[in-house]
Amino acid sequence: MTAQKSGVSLDKRRKYGEAFKAEALRLASESRSTQAAARQLGIIPKVLYRWQQAQVVAEVGRVEVARDPQGALRAANKRLAQELDMLKKALVLFGQRTPATGC
């Protein structure tokens, strides 16, 4: 008899509820080490790290910002500087053709 016919699932991954995940994240944040918290909960540290990453992404909104917040800030700063330069150039161009001067 195969595992599927006997009712045993072939998927050996454990499923954790949202309440367990929330408690695990709380414990990890209060603990000195994520690995120690994972050991205490009886789960693999990689799973807890993944949940922490997902929590940061949910709070921040984007994966790039969660992985490298300083890099994301540098990229945003560069983009805003470019926009400011374009607006300055537009201001100079449109400032020369104002209807009040008649030019």
PDB file of N, CA and C in Angstrom:
ATOM      1  N   MET A   1       0.843  -1.174   0.000  1.00  0.00           N
ATOM      2  CA  MET A   1       0.000   0.000   0.000  1.00  0.00           C
ATOM      3  C   MET A   1       0.893   1.244   0.000  1.00  0.00           C
ATOM      4  N   THR A   2       0.614   2.227  -0.863  1.00  0.00           N
ATOM      5  CA  THR A   2       1.445   3.423  -0.928  1.00  0.00           C
ATOM      6  C   THR A   2       1.036   4.410   0.153  1.00  0.00           C
ATOM      7  N   ALA A   3       1.884   5.396   0.351  1.00  0.00           N
ATOM      8  CA  ALA A   3       1.633   6.386   1.399  1.00  0.00           C
ATOM      9  C   ALA A   3       0.379   7.213   1.093  1.00  0.00           C
ATOM     10  N   GLN A   4       0.139   7.467  -0.190  1.00  0.00           N
ATOM     11  CA  GLN A   4      -1.029   8.268  -0.541  1.00  0.00           C
ATOM     12  C   GLN A   4      -2.323   7.513  -0.241  1.00  0.00           C
ATOM     13  N   LYS A   5      -2.350   6.235  -0.510  1.00  0.00           N
ATOM     14  CA  LYS A   5      -3.564   5.463  -0.288  1.00  0.00           C
ATOM     15  C   LYS A   5      -3.831   5.231   1.192  1.00  0.00           C
ATOM     16  N   SER A   6      -2.782   5.201   1.999  1.00  0.00           N
ATOM     17  CA  SER A   6      -2.992   4.953   3.426  1.00  0.00           C
ATOM     18  C   SER A   6      -3.365   6.222   4.185  1.00  0.00           C
ATOM     19  N   GLY A   7      -3.359   7.351   3.495  1.00  0.00           N
ATOM     20  CA  GLY A   7      -3.766   8.593   4.134  1.00  0.00           C
ATOM     21  C   GLY A   7      -2.609   9.378   4.727  1.00  0.00           C
ATOM     22  N   VAL A   8      -1.392   8.867   4.621  1.00  0.00           N
ATOM     23  CA  VAL A   8      -0.219   9.567   5.130  1.00  0.00           C
ATOM     24  C   VAL A   8       0.255  10.530   4.053  1.00  0.00           C
ATOM     25  N   SER A   9       0.490  11.763   4.424  1.00  0.00           N
ATOM     26  CA  SER A   9       0.925  12.770   3.474  1.00  0.00           C
ATOM     27  C   SER A   9       2.386  12.567   3.114  1.00  0.00           C
ATOM     28  N   LEU A  10       2.715  12.763   1.854  1.00  0.00           N
ATOM     29  CA  LEU A  10       4.097  12.677   1.415  1.00  0.00           C
ATOM     30  C   LEU A  10       4.857  13.960   1.750  1.00  0.00           C
ATOM     31  N   ASP A  11       4.150  15.053   1.984  1.00  0.00           N
ATOM     32  CA  ASP A  11       4.759  16.322   2.322  1.00  0.00           C
ATOM     33  C   ASP A  11       5.155  16.288   3.802  1.00  0.00           C
ATOM     34  N   LYS A  12       6.456  16.285   4.069  1.00  0.00           N
ATOM     35  CA  LYS A  12       6.924  16.151   5.441  1.00  0.00           C
ATOM     36  C   LYS A  12       7.129  17.501   6.119  1.00  0.00           C
ATOM     37  N   ARG A  13       6.817  18.573   5.449  1.00  0.00           N
ATOM     38  CA  ARG A  13       6.965  19.888   6.058  1.00  0.00           C
ATOM     39  C   ARG A  13       5.908  20.099   7.127  1.00  0.00           C
ATOM     40  N   ARG A  14       6.352  20.667   8.237  1.00  0.00           N
ATOM     41  CA  ARG A  14       5.402  20.969   9.302  1.00  0.00           C
ATOM     42  C   ARG A  14       4.723  22.292   8.994  1.00  0.00           C
ATOM     43  N   LYS A  15       3.492  22.385   9.348  1.00  0.00           N
ATOM     44  CA  LYS A  15       2.724  23.615   9.158  1.00  0.00           C
ATOM     45  C   LYS A  15       2.593  24.308  10.502  1.00  0.00           C
ATOM     46  N   TYR A  16       2.862  25.598  10.527  1.00  0.00           N
ATOM     47  CA  TYR A  16       2.776  26.371  11.757  1.00  0.00           C
ATOM     48  C   TYR A  16       1.680  27.419  11.608  1.00  0.00           C
ATOM     49  N   GLY A  17       0.900  27.589  12.643  1.00  0.00           N
ATOM     50  CA  GLY A  17      -0.165  28.580  12.620  1.00  0.00           C
ATOM     51  C   GLY A  17       0.375  29.980  12.855  1.00  0.00           C
ATOM     52  N   GLU A  18      -0.448  30.962  12.561  1.00  0.00           N
ATOM     53  CA  GLU A  18      -0.048  32.363  12.728  1.00  0.00           C
ATOM     54  C   GLU A  18       0.243  32.692  14.189  1.00  0.00           C
ATOM     55  N   ALA A  19      -0.503  32.096  15.110  1.00  0.00           N
ATOM     56  CA  ALA A  19      -0.279  32.351  16.534  1.00  0.00           C
ATOM     57  C   ALA A  19       1.099  31.840  16.951  1.00  0.00           C
ATOM     58  N   PHE A  20       1.483  30.655  16.459  1.00  0.00           N
ATOM     59  CA  PHE A  20       2.797  30.097  16.777  1.00  0.00           C
ATOM     60  C   PHE A  20       3.898  30.978  16.203  1.00  0.00           C
ATOM     61  N   LYS A  21       3.714  31.437  14.951  1.00  0.00           N
ATOM     62  CA  LYS A  21       4.714  32.293  14.321  1.00  0.00           C
ATOM     63  C   LYS A  21       4.878  33.598  15.088  1.00  0.00           C
ATOM     64  N   ALA A  22       3.756  34.196  15.486  1.00  0.00           N
ATOM     65  CA  ALA A  22       3.811  35.450  16.230  1.00  0.00           C
ATOM     66  C   ALA A  22       4.541  35.262  17.558  1.00  0.00           C
ATOM     67  N   GLU A  23       4.253  34.182  18.239  1.00  0.00           N
ATOM     68  CA  GLU A  23       4.918  33.893  19.509  1.00  0.00           C
ATOM     69  C   GLU A  23       6.405  33.618  19.288  1.00  0.00           C
ATOM     70  N   ALA A  24       6.741  32.921  18.227  1.00  0.00           N
ATOM     71  CA  ALA A  24       8.137  32.633  17.910  1.00  0.00           C
ATOM     72  C   ALA A  24       8.896  33.923  17.605  1.00  0.00           C
ATOM     73  N   LEU A  25       8.279  34.826  16.858  1.00  0.00           N
ATOM     74  CA  LEU A  25       8.917  36.102  16.539  1.00  0.00           C
ATOM     75  C   LEU A  25       9.098  36.954  17.790  1.00  0.00           C
ATOM     76  N   ARG A  26       8.115  36.912  18.683  1.00  0.00           N
ATOM     77  CA  ARG A  26       8.230  37.659  19.938  1.00  0.00           C
ATOM     78  C   ARG A  26       9.375  37.107  20.768  1.00  0.00           C
ATOM     79  N   LEU A  27       9.429  35.781  20.879  1.00  0.00           N
ATOM     80  CA  LEU A  27      10.483  35.141  21.652  1.00  0.00           C
ATOM     81  C   LEU A  27      11.857  35.431  21.046  1.00  0.00           C
ATOM     82  N   ALA A  28      11.962  35.405  19.726  1.00  0.00           N
ATOM     83  CA  ALA A  28      13.235  35.680  19.059  1.00  0.00           C
ATOM     84  C   ALA A  28      13.680  37.125  19.289  1.00  0.00           C
ATOM     85  N   SER A  29      12.720  38.046  19.309  1.00  0.00           N
ATOM     86  CA  SER A  29      13.083  39.449  19.518  1.00  0.00           C
ATOM     87  C   SER A  29      13.535  39.697  20.953  1.00  0.00           C
ATOM     88  N   GLU A  30      13.015  38.922  21.895  1.00  0.00           N
ATOM     89  CA  GLU A  30      13.396  39.072  23.297  1.00  0.00           C
ATOM     90  C   GLU A  30      14.649  38.279  23.636  1.00  0.00           C
ATOM     91  N   SER A  31      14.980  37.305  22.817  1.00  0.00           N
ATOM     92  CA  SER A  31      16.118  36.433  23.073  1.00  0.00           C
ATOM     93  C   SER A  31      17.407  37.095  22.606  1.00  0.00           C
ATOM     94  N   ARG A  32      18.524  36.644  23.162  1.00  0.00           N
ATOM     95  CA  ARG A  32      19.821  37.161  22.728  1.00  0.00           C
ATOM     96  C   ARG A  32      20.198  36.620  21.361  1.00  0.00           C
ATOM     97  N   SER A  33      19.696  35.443  21.022  1.00  0.00           N
ATOM     98  CA  SER A  33      20.056  34.850  19.737  1.00  0.00           C
ATOM     99  C   SER A  33      18.846  34.167  19.115  1.00  0.00           C
ATOM    100  N   THR A  34      18.724  34.346  17.812  1.00  0.00           N
ATOM    101  CA  THR A  34      17.629  33.713  17.086  1.00  0.00           C
ATOM    102  C   THR A  34      17.788  32.200  17.105  1.00  0.00           C
ATOM    103  N   GLN A  35      19.020  31.738  17.035  1.00  0.00           N
ATOM    104  CA  GLN A  35      19.258  30.291  17.058  1.00  0.00           C
ATOM    105  C   GLN A  35      18.824  29.682  18.390  1.00  0.00           C
ATOM    106  N   ALA A  36      19.088  30.388  19.488  1.00  0.00           N
ATOM    107  CA  ALA A  36      18.673  29.883  20.797  1.00  0.00           C
ATOM    108  C   ALA A  36      17.152  29.838  20.894  1.00  0.00           C
ATOM    109  N   ALA A  37      16.495  30.860  20.364  1.00  0.00           N
ATOM    110  CA  ALA A  37      15.030  30.883  20.373  1.00  0.00           C
ATOM    111  C   ALA A  37      14.482  29.736  19.536  1.00  0.00           C
ATOM    112  N   ALA A  38      15.094  29.480  18.390  1.00  0.00           N
ATOM    113  CA  ALA A  38      14.643  28.381  17.523  1.00  0.00           C
ATOM    114  C   ALA A  38      14.821  27.036  18.230  1.00  0.00           C
ATOM    115  N   ARG A  39      15.957  26.857  18.898  1.00  0.00           N
ATOM    116  CA  ARG A  39      16.184  25.618  19.648  1.00  0.00           C
ATOM    117  C   ARG A  39      15.128  25.433  20.735  1.00  0.00           C
ATOM    118  N   GLN A  40      14.824  26.526  21.427  1.00  0.00           N
ATOM    119  CA  GLN A  40      13.831  26.468  22.496  1.00  0.00           C
ATOM    120  C   GLN A  40      12.450  26.088  21.960  1.00  0.00           C
ATOM    121  N   LEU A  41      12.140  26.544  20.755  1.00  0.00           N
ATOM    122  CA  LEU A  41      10.846  26.253  20.139  1.00  0.00           C
ATOM    123  C   LEU A  41      10.825  24.911  19.414  1.00  0.00           C
ATOM    124  N   GLY A  42      12.003  24.338  19.199  1.00  0.00           N
ATOM    125  CA  GLY A  42      12.081  23.059  18.495  1.00  0.00           C
ATOM    126  C   GLY A  42      11.917  23.186  16.995  1.00  0.00           C
ATOM    127  N   ILE A  43      12.341  24.327  16.448  1.00  0.00           N
ATOM    128  CA  ILE A  43      12.263  24.522  14.998  1.00  0.00           C
ATOM    129  C   ILE A  43      13.658  24.815  14.460  1.00  0.00           C
ATOM    130  N   ILE A  44      13.801  24.725  13.160  1.00  0.00           N
ATOM    131  CA  ILE A  44      15.073  24.991  12.497  1.00  0.00           C
ATOM    132  C   ILE A  44      15.296  26.504  12.484  1.00  0.00           C
ATOM    133  N   PRO A  45      16.495  26.971  12.840  1.00  0.00           N
ATOM    134  CA  PRO A  45      16.755  28.419  12.845  1.00  0.00           C
ATOM    135  C   PRO A  45      16.464  29.089  11.508  1.00  0.00           C
ATOM    136  N   LYS A  46      16.703  28.388  10.405  1.00  0.00           N
ATOM    137  CA  LYS A  46      16.455  28.963   9.076  1.00  0.00           C
ATOM    138  C   LYS A  46      14.983  29.369   8.916  1.00  0.00           C
ATOM    139  N   VAL A  47      14.087  28.572   9.488  1.00  0.00           N
ATOM    140  CA  VAL A  47      12.659  28.888   9.414  1.00  0.00           C
ATOM    141  C   VAL A  47      12.375  30.178  10.174  1.00  0.00           C
ATOM    142  N   LEU A  48      12.958  30.317  11.345  1.00  0.00           N
ATOM    143  CA  LEU A  48      12.741  31.521  12.149  1.00  0.00           C
ATOM    144  C   LEU A  48      13.336  32.750  11.467  1.00  0.00           C
ATOM    145  N   TYR A  49      14.516  32.587  10.860  1.00  0.00           N
ATOM    146  CA  TYR A  49      15.109  33.698  10.114  1.00  0.00           C
ATOM    147  C   TYR A  49      14.206  34.116   8.956  1.00  0.00           C
ATOM    148  N   ARG A  50      13.615  33.144   8.279  1.00  0.00           N
ATOM    149  CA  ARG A  50      12.715  33.431   7.159  1.00  0.00           C
ATOM    150  C   ARG A  50      11.482  34.207   7.644  1.00  0.00           C
ATOM    151  N   TRP A  51      10.944  33.814   8.806  1.00  0.00           N
ATOM    152  CA  TRP A  51       9.786  34.520   9.360  1.00  0.00           C
ATOM    153  C   TRP A  51      10.162  35.950   9.745  1.00  0.00           C
ATOM    154  N   GLN A  52      11.378  36.125  10.293  1.00  0.00           N
ATOM    155  CA  GLN A  52      11.823  37.467  10.657  1.00  0.00           C
ATOM    156  C   GLN A  52      11.952  38.336   9.407  1.00  0.00           C
ATOM    157  N   GLN A  53      12.509  37.767   8.344  1.00  0.00           N
ATOM    158  CA  GLN A  53      12.649  38.512   7.095  1.00  0.00           C
ATOM    159  C   GLN A  53      11.276  38.901   6.547  1.00  0.00           C
ATOM    160  N   ALA A  54      10.336  37.987   6.583  1.00  0.00           N
ATOM    161  CA  ALA A  54       8.984  38.274   6.098  1.00  0.00           C
ATOM    162  C   ALA A  54       8.329  39.367   6.938  1.00  0.00           C
ATOM    163  N   GLN A  55       8.603  39.363   8.240  1.00  0.00           N
ATOM    164  CA  GLN A  55       8.038  40.388   9.115  1.00  0.00           C
ATOM    165  C   GLN A  55       8.601  41.768   8.757  1.00  0.00           C
ATOM    166  N   VAL A  56       9.900  41.831   8.494  1.00  0.00           N
ATOM    167  CA  VAL A  56      10.523  43.099   8.121  1.00  0.00           C
ATOM    168  C   VAL A  56       9.977  43.579   6.784  1.00  0.00           C
ATOM    169  N   VAL A  57       9.834  42.671   5.840  1.00  0.00           N
ATOM    170  CA  VAL A  57       9.290  43.035   4.530  1.00  0.00           C
ATOM    171  C   VAL A  57       7.866  43.563   4.680  1.00  0.00           C
ATOM    172  N   ALA A  58       7.078  42.923   5.533  1.00  0.00           N
ATOM    173  CA  ALA A  58       5.697  43.367   5.745  1.00  0.00           C
ATOM    174  C   ALA A  58       5.665  44.760   6.367  1.00  0.00           C
ATOM    175  N   GLU A  59       6.599  45.036   7.273  1.00  0.00           N
ATOM    176  CA  GLU A  59       6.635  46.342   7.916  1.00  0.00           C
ATOM    177  C   GLU A  59       7.161  47.423   6.986  1.00  0.00           C
ATOM    178  N   VAL A  60       8.180  47.098   6.198  1.00  0.00           N
ATOM    179  CA  VAL A  60       8.823  48.075   5.332  1.00  0.00           C
ATOM    180  C   VAL A  60       8.090  48.211   4.009  1.00  0.00           C
ATOM    181  N   GLY A  61       7.644  47.083   3.476  1.00  0.00           N
ATOM    182  CA  GLY A  61       6.876  47.120   2.242  1.00  0.00           C
ATOM    183  C   GLY A  61       7.588  46.563   1.030  1.00  0.00           C
ATOM    184  N   ARG A  62       8.927  46.547   1.052  1.00  0.00           N
ATOM    185  CA  ARG A  62       9.653  46.039  -0.107  1.00  0.00           C
ATOM    186  C   ARG A  62      10.811  45.168   0.343  1.00  0.00           C
ATOM    187  N   VAL A  63      11.120  44.162  -0.449  1.00  0.00           N
ATOM    188  CA  VAL A  63      12.199  43.230  -0.122  1.00  0.00           C
ATOM    189  C   VAL A  63      13.548  43.930  -0.172  1.00  0.00           C
ATOM    190  N   GLU A  64      13.777  44.791  -1.175  1.00  0.00           N
ATOM    191  CA  GLU A  64      15.062  45.454  -1.330  1.00  0.00           C
ATOM    192  C   GLU A  64      15.397  46.299  -0.105  1.00  0.00           C
ATOM    193  N   VAL A  65      14.406  47.006   0.410  1.00  0.00           N
ATOM    194  CA  VAL A  65      14.621  47.861   1.572  1.00  0.00           C
ATOM    195  C   VAL A  65      14.905  47.009   2.797  1.00  0.00           C
ATOM    196  N   ALA A  66      14.226  45.900   2.911  1.00  0.00           N
ATOM    197  CA  ALA A  66      14.434  45.035   4.072  1.00  0.00           C
ATOM    198  C   ALA A  66      15.825  44.419   4.059  1.00  0.00           C
ATOM    199  N   ARG A  67      16.324  44.054   2.896  1.00  0.00           N
ATOM    200  CA  ARG A  67      17.644  43.424   2.806  1.00  0.00           C
ATOM    201  C   ARG A  67      18.770  44.429   2.981  1.00  0.00           C
ATOM    202  N   ASP A  68      18.652  45.601   2.367  1.00  0.00           N
ATOM    203  CA  ASP A  68      19.718  46.599   2.423  1.00  0.00           C
ATOM    204  C   ASP A  68      19.093  47.984   2.568  1.00  0.00           C
ATOM    205  N   PRO A  69      18.732  48.369   3.786  1.00  0.00           N
ATOM    206  CA  PRO A  69      18.066  49.664   3.964  1.00  0.00           C
ATOM    207  C   PRO A  69      18.936  50.846   3.550  1.00  0.00           C
ATOM    208  N   GLN A  70      20.238  50.790   3.808  1.00  0.00           N
ATOM    209  CA  GLN A  70      21.107  51.901   3.426  1.00  0.00           C
ATOM    210  C   GLN A  70      21.230  52.001   1.906  1.00  0.00           C
ATOM    211  N   GLY A  71      21.326  50.869   1.238  1.00  0.00           N
ATOM    212  CA  GLY A  71      21.397  50.884  -0.218  1.00  0.00           C
ATOM    213  C   GLY A  71      20.129  51.441  -0.834  1.00  0.00           C
ATOM    214  N   ALA A  72      18.994  51.084  -0.251  1.00  0.00           N
ATOM    215  CA  ALA A  72      17.717  51.598  -0.749  1.00  0.00           C
ATOM    216  C   ALA A  72      17.631  53.106  -0.538  1.00  0.00           C
ATOM    217  N   LEU A  73      18.143  53.571   0.595  1.00  0.00           N
ATOM    218  CA  LEU A  73      18.138  55.018   0.851  1.00  0.00           C
ATOM    219  C   LEU A  73      19.064  55.756  -0.111  1.00  0.00           C
ATOM    220  N   ARG A  74      20.231  55.166  -0.395  1.00  0.00           N
ATOM    221  CA  ARG A  74      21.145  55.788  -1.357  1.00  0.00           C
ATOM    222  C   ARG A  74      20.504  55.865  -2.743  1.00  0.00           C
ATOM    223  N   ALA A  75      19.832  54.791  -3.152  1.00  0.00           N
ATOM    224  CA  ALA A  75      19.175  54.776  -4.461  1.00  0.00           C
ATOM    225  C   ALA A  75      18.054  55.819  -4.522  1.00  0.00           C
ATOM    226  N   ALA A  76      17.284  55.921  -3.451  1.00  0.00           N
ATOM    227  CA  ALA A  76      16.205  56.916  -3.411  1.00  0.00           C
ATOM    228  C   ALA A  76      16.779  58.329  -3.434  1.00  0.00           C
ATOM    229  N   ASN A  77      17.877  58.537  -2.718  1.00  0.00           N
ATOM    230  CA  ASN A  77      18.512  59.847  -2.703  1.00  0.00           C
ATOM    231  C   ASN A  77      19.026  60.221  -4.087  1.00  0.00           C
ATOM    232  N   LYS A  78      19.635  59.273  -4.786  1.00  0.00           N
ATOM    233  CA  LYS A  78      20.137  59.520  -6.138  1.00  0.00           C
ATOM    234  C   LYS A  78      18.987  59.857  -7.092  1.00  0.00           C
ATOM    235  N   ARG A  79      17.895  59.097  -6.987  1.00  0.00           N
ATOM    236  CA  ARG A  79      16.737  59.346  -7.843  1.00  0.00           C
ATOM    237  C   ARG A  79      16.141  60.732  -7.575  1.00  0.00           C
ATOM    238  N   LEU A  80      16.047  61.119  -6.315  1.00  0.00           N
ATOM    239  CA  LEU A  80      15.503  62.429  -5.976  1.00  0.00           C
ATOM    240  C   LEU A  80      16.430  63.555  -6.437  1.00  0.00           C
ATOM    241  N   ALA A  81      17.744  63.338  -6.361  1.00  0.00           N
ATOM    242  CA  ALA A  81      18.693  64.343  -6.849  1.00  0.00           C
ATOM    243  C   ALA A  81      18.543  64.530  -8.354  1.00  0.00           C
ATOM    244  N   GLN A  82      18.334  63.436  -9.090  1.00  0.00           N
ATOM    245  CA  GLN A  82      18.129  63.533 -10.532  1.00  0.00           C
ATOM    246  C   GLN A  82      16.834  64.286 -10.848  1.00  0.00           C
ATOM    247  N   GLU A  83      15.785  63.991 -10.091  1.00  0.00           N
ATOM    248  CA  GLU A  83      14.518  64.701 -10.302  1.00  0.00           C
ATOM    249  C   GLU A  83      14.670  66.191 -10.013  1.00  0.00           C
ATOM    250  N   LEU A  84      15.424  66.526  -8.972  1.00  0.00           N
ATOM    251  CA  LEU A  84      15.643  67.926  -8.625  1.00  0.00           C
ATOM    252  C   LEU A  84      16.402  68.641  -9.733  1.00  0.00           C
ATOM    253  N   ASP A  85      17.420  67.988 -10.295  1.00  0.00           N
ATOM    254  CA  ASP A  85      18.165  68.582 -11.409  1.00  0.00           C
ATOM    255  C   ASP A  85      17.264  68.841 -12.607  1.00  0.00           C
ATOM    256  N   MET A  86      16.382  67.873 -12.925  1.00  0.00           N
ATOM    257  CA  MET A  86      15.457  68.058 -14.052  1.00  0.00           C
ATOM    258  C   MET A  86      14.503  69.216 -13.785  1.00  0.00           C
ATOM    259  N   LEU A  87      14.019  69.328 -12.560  1.00  0.00           N
ATOM    260  CA  LEU A  87      13.108  70.413 -12.234  1.00  0.00           C
ATOM    261  C   LEU A  87      13.803  71.775 -12.287  1.00  0.00           C
ATOM    262  N   LYS A  88      15.051  71.825 -11.872  1.00  0.00           N
ATOM    263  CA  LYS A  88      15.813  73.075 -11.962  1.00  0.00           C
ATOM    264  C   LYS A  88      15.981  73.500 -13.414  1.00  0.00           C
ATOM    265  N   LYS A  89      16.294  72.535 -14.292  1.00  0.00           N
ATOM    266  CA  LYS A  89      16.450  72.843 -15.714  1.00  0.00           C
ATOM    267  C   LYS A  89      15.125  73.305 -16.313  1.00  0.00           C
ATOM    268  N   ALA A  90      14.037  72.638 -15.921  1.00  0.00           N
ATOM    269  CA  ALA A  90      12.716  73.033 -16.419  1.00  0.00           C
ATOM    270  C   ALA A  90      12.364  74.432 -15.948  1.00  0.00           C
ATOM    271  N   LEU A  91      12.720  74.757 -14.725  1.00  0.00           N
ATOM    272  CA  LEU A  91      12.439  76.086 -14.182  1.00  0.00           C
ATOM    273  C   LEU A  91      13.191  77.159 -14.963  1.00  0.00           C
ATOM    274  N   VAL A  92      14.422  76.879 -15.316  1.00  0.00           N
ATOM    275  CA  VAL A  92      15.209  77.822 -16.112  1.00  0.00           C
ATOM    276  C   VAL A  92      14.581  77.994 -17.493  1.00  0.00           C
ATOM    277  N   LEU A  93      14.196  76.893 -18.141  1.00  0.00           N
ATOM    278  CA  LEU A  93      13.605  76.963 -19.473  1.00  0.00           C
ATOM    279  C   LEU A  93      12.277  77.697 -19.466  1.00  0.00           C
ATOM    280  N   PHE A  94      11.414  77.359 -18.530  1.00  0.00           N
ATOM    281  CA  PHE A  94      10.101  77.994 -18.491  1.00  0.00           C
ATOM    282  C   PHE A  94      10.170  79.390 -17.894  1.00  0.00           C
ATOM    283  N   GLY A  95      11.174  79.662 -17.121  1.00  0.00           N
ATOM    284  CA  GLY A  95      11.346  81.001 -16.553  1.00  0.00           C
ATOM    285  C   GLY A  95      11.724  82.018 -17.614  1.00  0.00           C
ATOM    286  N   GLN A  96      12.316  81.566 -18.705  1.00  0.00           N
ATOM    287  CA  GLN A  96      12.722  82.471 -19.772  1.00  0.00           C
ATOM    288  C   GLN A  96      11.550  82.888 -20.639  1.00  0.00           C
ATOM    289  N   ARG A  97      10.495  82.086 -20.667  1.00  0.00           N
ATOM    290  CA  ARG A  97       9.352  82.357 -21.551  1.00  0.00           C
ATOM    291  C   ARG A  97       8.120  82.724 -20.737  1.00  0.00           C
ATOM    292  N   THR A  98       8.206  83.643 -19.872  1.00  0.00           N
ATOM    293  CA  THR A  98       7.032  84.030 -19.095  1.00  0.00           C
ATOM    294  C   THR A  98       6.203  85.038 -19.881  1.00  0.00           C
ATOM    295  N   PRO A  99       4.874  84.972 -19.814  1.00  0.00           N
ATOM    296  CA  PRO A  99       4.016  85.905 -20.569  1.00  0.00           C
ATOM    297  C   PRO A  99       4.184  87.335 -20.081  1.00  0.00           C
ATOM    298  N   ALA A 100       4.597  87.562 -18.859  1.00  0.00           N
ATOM    299  CA  ALA A 100       4.732  88.910 -18.333  1.00  0.00           C
ATOM    300  C   ALA A 100       5.847  89.680 -19.018  1.00  0.00           C
ATOM    301  N   THR A 101       6.901  88.994 -19.442  1.00  0.00           N
ATOM    302  CA  THR A 101       8.020  89.692 -20.092  1.00  0.00           C
ATOM    303  C   THR A 101       7.799  89.847 -21.581  1.00  0.00           C
ATOM    304  N   GLY A 102       6.905  89.071 -22.157  1.00  0.00           N
ATOM    305  CA  GLY A 102       6.612  89.179 -23.560  1.00  0.00           C
ATOM    306  C   GLY A 102       7.643  88.557 -24.461  1.00  0.00           C
ATOM    307  N   CYS A 103       8.536  87.782 -23.927  1.00  0.00           N
ATOM    308  CA  CYS A 103       9.585  87.149 -24.739  1.00  0.00           C
ATOM    309  C   CYS A 103       9.165  85.795 -25.219  1.00  0.00           C
TER     310      CYS A 103
END
